[in-house]
């Protein structure tokens, strides 16, 4: 708090000083340290806007994104700041592709994708347990289409296959289980997927035999 007071005074008295951009960054950092994230984000954005030739632009831009990330709640509750953080980080990577902060930015993006994917996955599970399998498939598709690199893809494939099984769409279920087994051989759900795949392949083979016998008759 003392640092904020002195930094604000410095910036008021010496706005054109060579160290003004550093002071602006430190002001944002001091607010970040006391968890005043909304205020800190404003200070970092001021640096980017008011000091366009500063060597600290990438750091300030990245720190602004972290301010939004710190305000994130669990994605299942409110994804607003998750979306805002994701947008901020994507813009940062595009604007400063050579910054050493790009890798941690990408790591943060993956964390956000995992959280948002979990939200859709949990909703899919909820509908599946209510035996609303078509609705469950819709949410599972959201995970697979929007967050294809998330940690929830294997579980999503497994549960989507179950929905198709319950709807007697065995070919679709078999395709998903094969994809799971082939793509994620070491995942915790894969052994169970193998058992269900073996069972469904037998069921489907029996159906084909019955269909052929019916045509022959």
Protein backbone atom coordinates (compact mmCIF):
# COMPACT_ATOMS: atom_id res chain seq x y z
CA UNK A 1 0.00 0.00 0.00
CA UNK A 2 2.89 2.36 0.73
CA UNK A 3 4.36 1.49 -2.65
CA UNK A 4 1.10 2.41 -4.37
CA UNK A 5 1.06 5.80 -2.65
CA UNK A 6 4.61 6.67 -3.70
CA UNK A 7 4.23 5.32 -7.23
CA UNK A 8 1.05 7.31 -7.81
CA UNK A 9 2.76 10.46 -6.56
CA UNK A 10 5.77 9.82 -8.83
CA UNK A 11 3.52 9.37 -11.86
CA UNK A 12 1.57 12.54 -11.05
CA UNK A 13 4.71 14.65 -10.65
CA UNK A 14 6.90 13.07 -13.36
CA UNK A 15 4.57 11.65 -16.05
CA UNK A 16 7.22 11.94 -18.75
CA UNK A 17 10.11 10.47 -16.77
CA UNK A 18 12.14 7.67 -18.38
CA UNK A 19 11.09 5.39 -15.52
CA UNK A 20 7.39 6.24 -15.75
CA UNK A 21 6.53 2.99 -17.56
CA UNK A 22 8.36 1.00 -14.89
CA UNK A 23 6.48 2.91 -12.20
CA UNK A 24 3.19 2.17 -13.96
CA UNK A 25 4.04 -1.53 -14.08
CA UNK A 26 5.02 -1.57 -10.41
CA UNK A 27 1.79 0.17 -9.50
CA UNK A 28 -0.17 -2.60 -11.18
CA UNK A 29 2.00 -5.25 -9.55
CA UNK A 30 1.54 -3.74 -6.09
CA UNK A 31 -2.24 -3.84 -6.53
CA UNK A 32 -2.01 -7.38 -7.85
CA UNK A 33 -0.09 -8.41 -4.72
CA UNK A 34 -2.88 -7.19 -2.44
CA UNK A 35 -5.45 -8.97 -4.66
CA UNK A 36 -7.01 -5.78 -6.03
CA UNK A 37 -7.25 -7.49 -9.39
CA UNK A 38 -9.76 -5.21 -11.08
CA UNK A 39 -7.73 -2.11 -10.16
CA UNK A 40 -4.49 -3.80 -11.20
CA UNK A 41 -5.93 -4.66 -14.62
CA UNK A 42 -6.69 -0.98 -15.17
CA UNK A 43 -3.11 0.05 -14.32
CA UNK A 44 -1.62 -2.54 -16.66
CA UNK A 45 -3.92 -1.41 -19.48
CA UNK A 46 -2.83 2.20 -18.88
CA UNK A 47 0.79 1.20 -19.44
CA UNK A 48 -0.09 -0.43 -22.77
CA UNK A 49 -2.12 2.58 -23.85
CA UNK A 50 0.07 5.43 -22.58
CA UNK A 51 3.55 3.97 -23.21
CA UNK A 52 3.32 2.34 -26.67
CA UNK A 53 7.12 2.24 -27.09
CA UNK A 54 7.87 0.68 -23.70
CA UNK A 55 9.86 -2.53 -23.42
CA UNK A 56 7.39 -3.61 -20.78
CA UNK A 57 4.34 -3.88 -23.02
CA UNK A 58 4.28 -7.67 -23.18
CA UNK A 59 4.69 -8.01 -19.42
CA UNK A 60 1.92 -5.51 -18.73
CA UNK A 61 -0.41 -7.16 -21.25
CA UNK A 62 0.22 -10.59 -19.76
CA UNK A 63 -0.30 -9.33 -16.22
CA UNK A 64 -3.62 -7.84 -17.26
CA UNK A 65 -4.70 -11.30 -18.43
CA UNK A 66 -3.62 -12.76 -15.08
CA UNK A 67 -5.84 -10.23 -13.33
CA UNK A 68 -8.84 -11.68 -15.13
CA UNK A 69 -7.66 -15.21 -14.45
CA UNK A 70 -7.46 -14.52 -10.72
CA UNK A 71 -11.11 -13.44 -10.80
CA UNK A 72 -12.24 -16.69 -12.37
CA UNK A 73 -14.62 -18.86 -10.41
CA UNK A 74 -15.12 -22.52 -11.21
CA UNK A 75 -16.34 -22.78 -14.77
CA UNK A 76 -19.37 -24.77 -13.61
CA UNK A 77 -20.54 -21.72 -11.64
CA UNK A 78 -19.79 -18.73 -13.86
CA UNK A 79 -17.57 -18.87 -16.96
CA UNK A 80 -17.61 -15.10 -17.57
CA UNK A 81 -14.05 -14.40 -16.47
CA UNK A 82 -12.85 -17.65 -18.04
CA UNK A 83 -14.05 -16.36 -21.42
CA UNK A 84 -12.54 -12.94 -20.76
CA UNK A 85 -9.20 -14.44 -19.76
CA UNK A 86 -9.16 -16.69 -22.80
CA UNK A 87 -9.81 -13.74 -25.10
CA UNK A 88 -7.10 -11.68 -23.38
CA UNK A 89 -4.50 -14.45 -23.62
CA UNK A 90 -5.26 -15.17 -27.28
CA UNK A 91 -4.86 -11.49 -28.09
CA UNK A 92 -1.61 -11.39 -26.12
CA UNK A 93 -0.15 -14.32 -28.09
CA UNK A 94 -1.10 -12.71 -31.39
CA UNK A 95 0.34 -9.33 -30.40
CA UNK A 96 3.57 -10.57 -28.81
CA UNK A 97 4.43 -13.90 -30.48
CA UNK A 98 8.13 -13.63 -29.56
CA UNK A 99 7.60 -12.86 -25.88
CA UNK A 100 9.03 -15.36 -23.36
CA UNK A 101 5.61 -15.19 -21.69
CA UNK A 102 3.88 -16.89 -24.62
CA UNK A 103 4.46 -20.39 -23.25
CA UNK A 104 2.94 -19.68 -19.82
CA UNK A 105 0.09 -17.96 -21.67
CA UNK A 106 -0.54 -21.12 -23.68
CA UNK A 107 -0.42 -23.19 -20.50
CA UNK A 108 -3.04 -20.91 -18.95
CA UNK A 109 -5.21 -21.28 -22.05
CA UNK A 110 -5.07 -25.06 -21.66
CA UNK A 111 -6.13 -24.75 -18.01
CA UNK A 112 -9.08 -22.62 -19.07
CA UNK A 113 -10.05 -25.10 -21.80
CA UNK A 114 -10.00 -27.91 -19.23
CA UNK A 115 -12.28 -25.93 -16.92
CA UNK A 116 -14.77 -25.02 -19.64
CA UNK A 117 -14.74 -28.59 -20.97
CA UNK A 118 -15.48 -29.89 -17.48
CA UNK A 119 -18.55 -27.66 -17.32
CA UNK A 120 -19.98 -29.13 -20.52
CA UNK A 121 -19.00 -32.66 -19.47
CA UNK A 122 -20.77 -32.36 -16.10
CA UNK A 123 -23.93 -31.13 -17.83
CA UNK A 124 -23.74 -34.10 -20.18
CA UNK A 125 -23.44 -36.47 -17.22
CA UNK A 126 -26.45 -34.82 -15.55
CA UNK A 127 -28.68 -35.34 -18.58
CA UNK A 128 -27.41 -38.88 -19.10
CA UNK A 129 -28.25 -39.86 -15.53
CA UNK A 130 -31.74 -38.42 -16.11
CA UNK A 131 -31.95 -40.76 -19.13
CA UNK A 132 -32.10 -37.79 -21.49
CA UNK A 133 -29.50 -39.32 -23.75
CA UNK A 134 -29.98 -37.05 -26.72
CA UNK A 135 -29.39 -34.00 -24.53
CA UNK A 136 -26.33 -35.68 -23.03
CA UNK A 137 -24.88 -36.24 -26.49
CA UNK A 138 -25.30 -32.55 -27.31
CA UNK A 139 -23.16 -31.51 -24.33
CA UNK A 140 -20.58 -34.22 -24.95
CA UNK A 141 -20.28 -32.97 -28.53
CA UNK A 142 -19.56 -29.49 -27.15
CA UNK A 143 -16.52 -30.91 -25.34
CA UNK A 144 -15.24 -32.81 -28.35
CA UNK A 145 -15.75 -29.98 -30.83
CA UNK A 146 -14.77 -26.92 -28.78
CA UNK A 147 -12.12 -28.40 -26.46
CA UNK A 148 -10.49 -31.28 -28.38
CA UNK A 149 -7.24 -31.05 -26.39
CA UNK A 150 -8.83 -30.95 -22.94
CA UNK A 151 -8.31 -33.53 -20.22
CA UNK A 152 -11.98 -34.48 -20.42
CA UNK A 153 -11.96 -35.92 -23.94
CA UNK A 154 -11.46 -39.61 -22.92
CA UNK A 155 -14.28 -39.53 -20.34
CA UNK A 156 -16.46 -37.70 -22.82
CA UNK A 157 -15.94 -40.34 -25.49
CA UNK A 158 -16.82 -43.04 -22.97
CA UNK A 159 -20.04 -41.40 -21.79
CA UNK A 160 -21.13 -40.38 -25.26
CA UNK A 161 -20.72 -44.02 -26.29
CA UNK A 162 -22.97 -45.02 -23.38
CA UNK A 163 -25.64 -42.61 -24.57
CA UNK A 164 -25.57 -44.17 -28.03
CA UNK A 165 -25.69 -47.63 -26.48
CA UNK A 166 -28.79 -46.71 -24.49
CA UNK A 167 -30.37 -45.48 -27.73
CA UNK A 168 -29.38 -48.78 -29.38
CA UNK A 169 -27.09 -46.93 -31.78
CA UNK A 170 -24.45 -49.59 -31.50
CA UNK A 171 -22.35 -48.67 -34.52
CA UNK A 172 -21.88 -45.10 -33.21
CA UNK A 173 -21.02 -46.42 -29.74
CA UNK A 174 -18.51 -48.91 -31.13
CA UNK A 175 -16.80 -46.21 -33.20
CA UNK A 176 -16.40 -43.95 -30.15
CA UNK A 177 -15.08 -46.74 -27.94
CA UNK A 178 -12.56 -47.79 -30.58
CA UNK A 179 -11.38 -44.18 -30.83
CA UNK A 180 -11.01 -44.03 -27.05
CA UNK A 181 -9.08 -47.30 -26.83
CA UNK A 182 -6.77 -46.40 -29.71
CA UNK A 183 -6.14 -42.77 -28.74
CA UNK A 184 -5.93 -43.09 -24.95
CA UNK A 185 -4.59 -46.59 -24.18
CA UNK A 186 -3.37 -45.65 -20.69
CA UNK A 187 -6.37 -43.68 -19.48
CA UNK A 188 -8.18 -44.89 -16.37
CA UNK A 189 -11.45 -45.45 -18.26
CA UNK A 190 -9.90 -47.42 -21.13
CA UNK A 191 -10.09 -50.87 -19.52
CA UNK A 192 -13.81 -50.44 -18.94
CA UNK A 193 -14.16 -49.13 -22.48
CA UNK A 194 -12.49 -52.28 -23.80
CA UNK A 195 -14.98 -54.48 -21.95
CA UNK A 196 -17.95 -52.51 -23.23
CA UNK A 197 -16.50 -52.52 -26.76
CA UNK A 198 -16.11 -56.30 -26.70
CA UNK A 199 -19.70 -56.68 -25.49
CA UNK A 200 -21.12 -54.33 -28.12
CA UNK A 201 -19.20 -56.00 -30.92
CA UNK A 202 -20.78 -59.32 -29.92
CA UNK A 203 -24.22 -57.73 -29.76
CA UNK A 204 -23.75 -56.14 -33.18
CA UNK A 205 -22.43 -59.38 -34.68
CA UNK A 206 -25.50 -61.24 -33.37
CA UNK A 207 -27.76 -58.59 -34.88
CA UNK A 208 -26.10 -58.94 -38.27
CA UNK A 209 -26.45 -62.73 -38.13
CA UNK A 210 -30.13 -62.35 -37.28
CA UNK A 211 -30.64 -59.84 -40.11
CA UNK A 212 -28.96 -62.15 -42.63
CA UNK A 213 -31.07 -65.09 -41.49
CA UNK A 214 -34.19 -62.99 -41.88
CA UNK A 215 -33.29 -62.01 -45.45
CA UNK A 216 -32.57 -65.64 -46.38
CA UNK A 217 -35.99 -66.67 -45.13
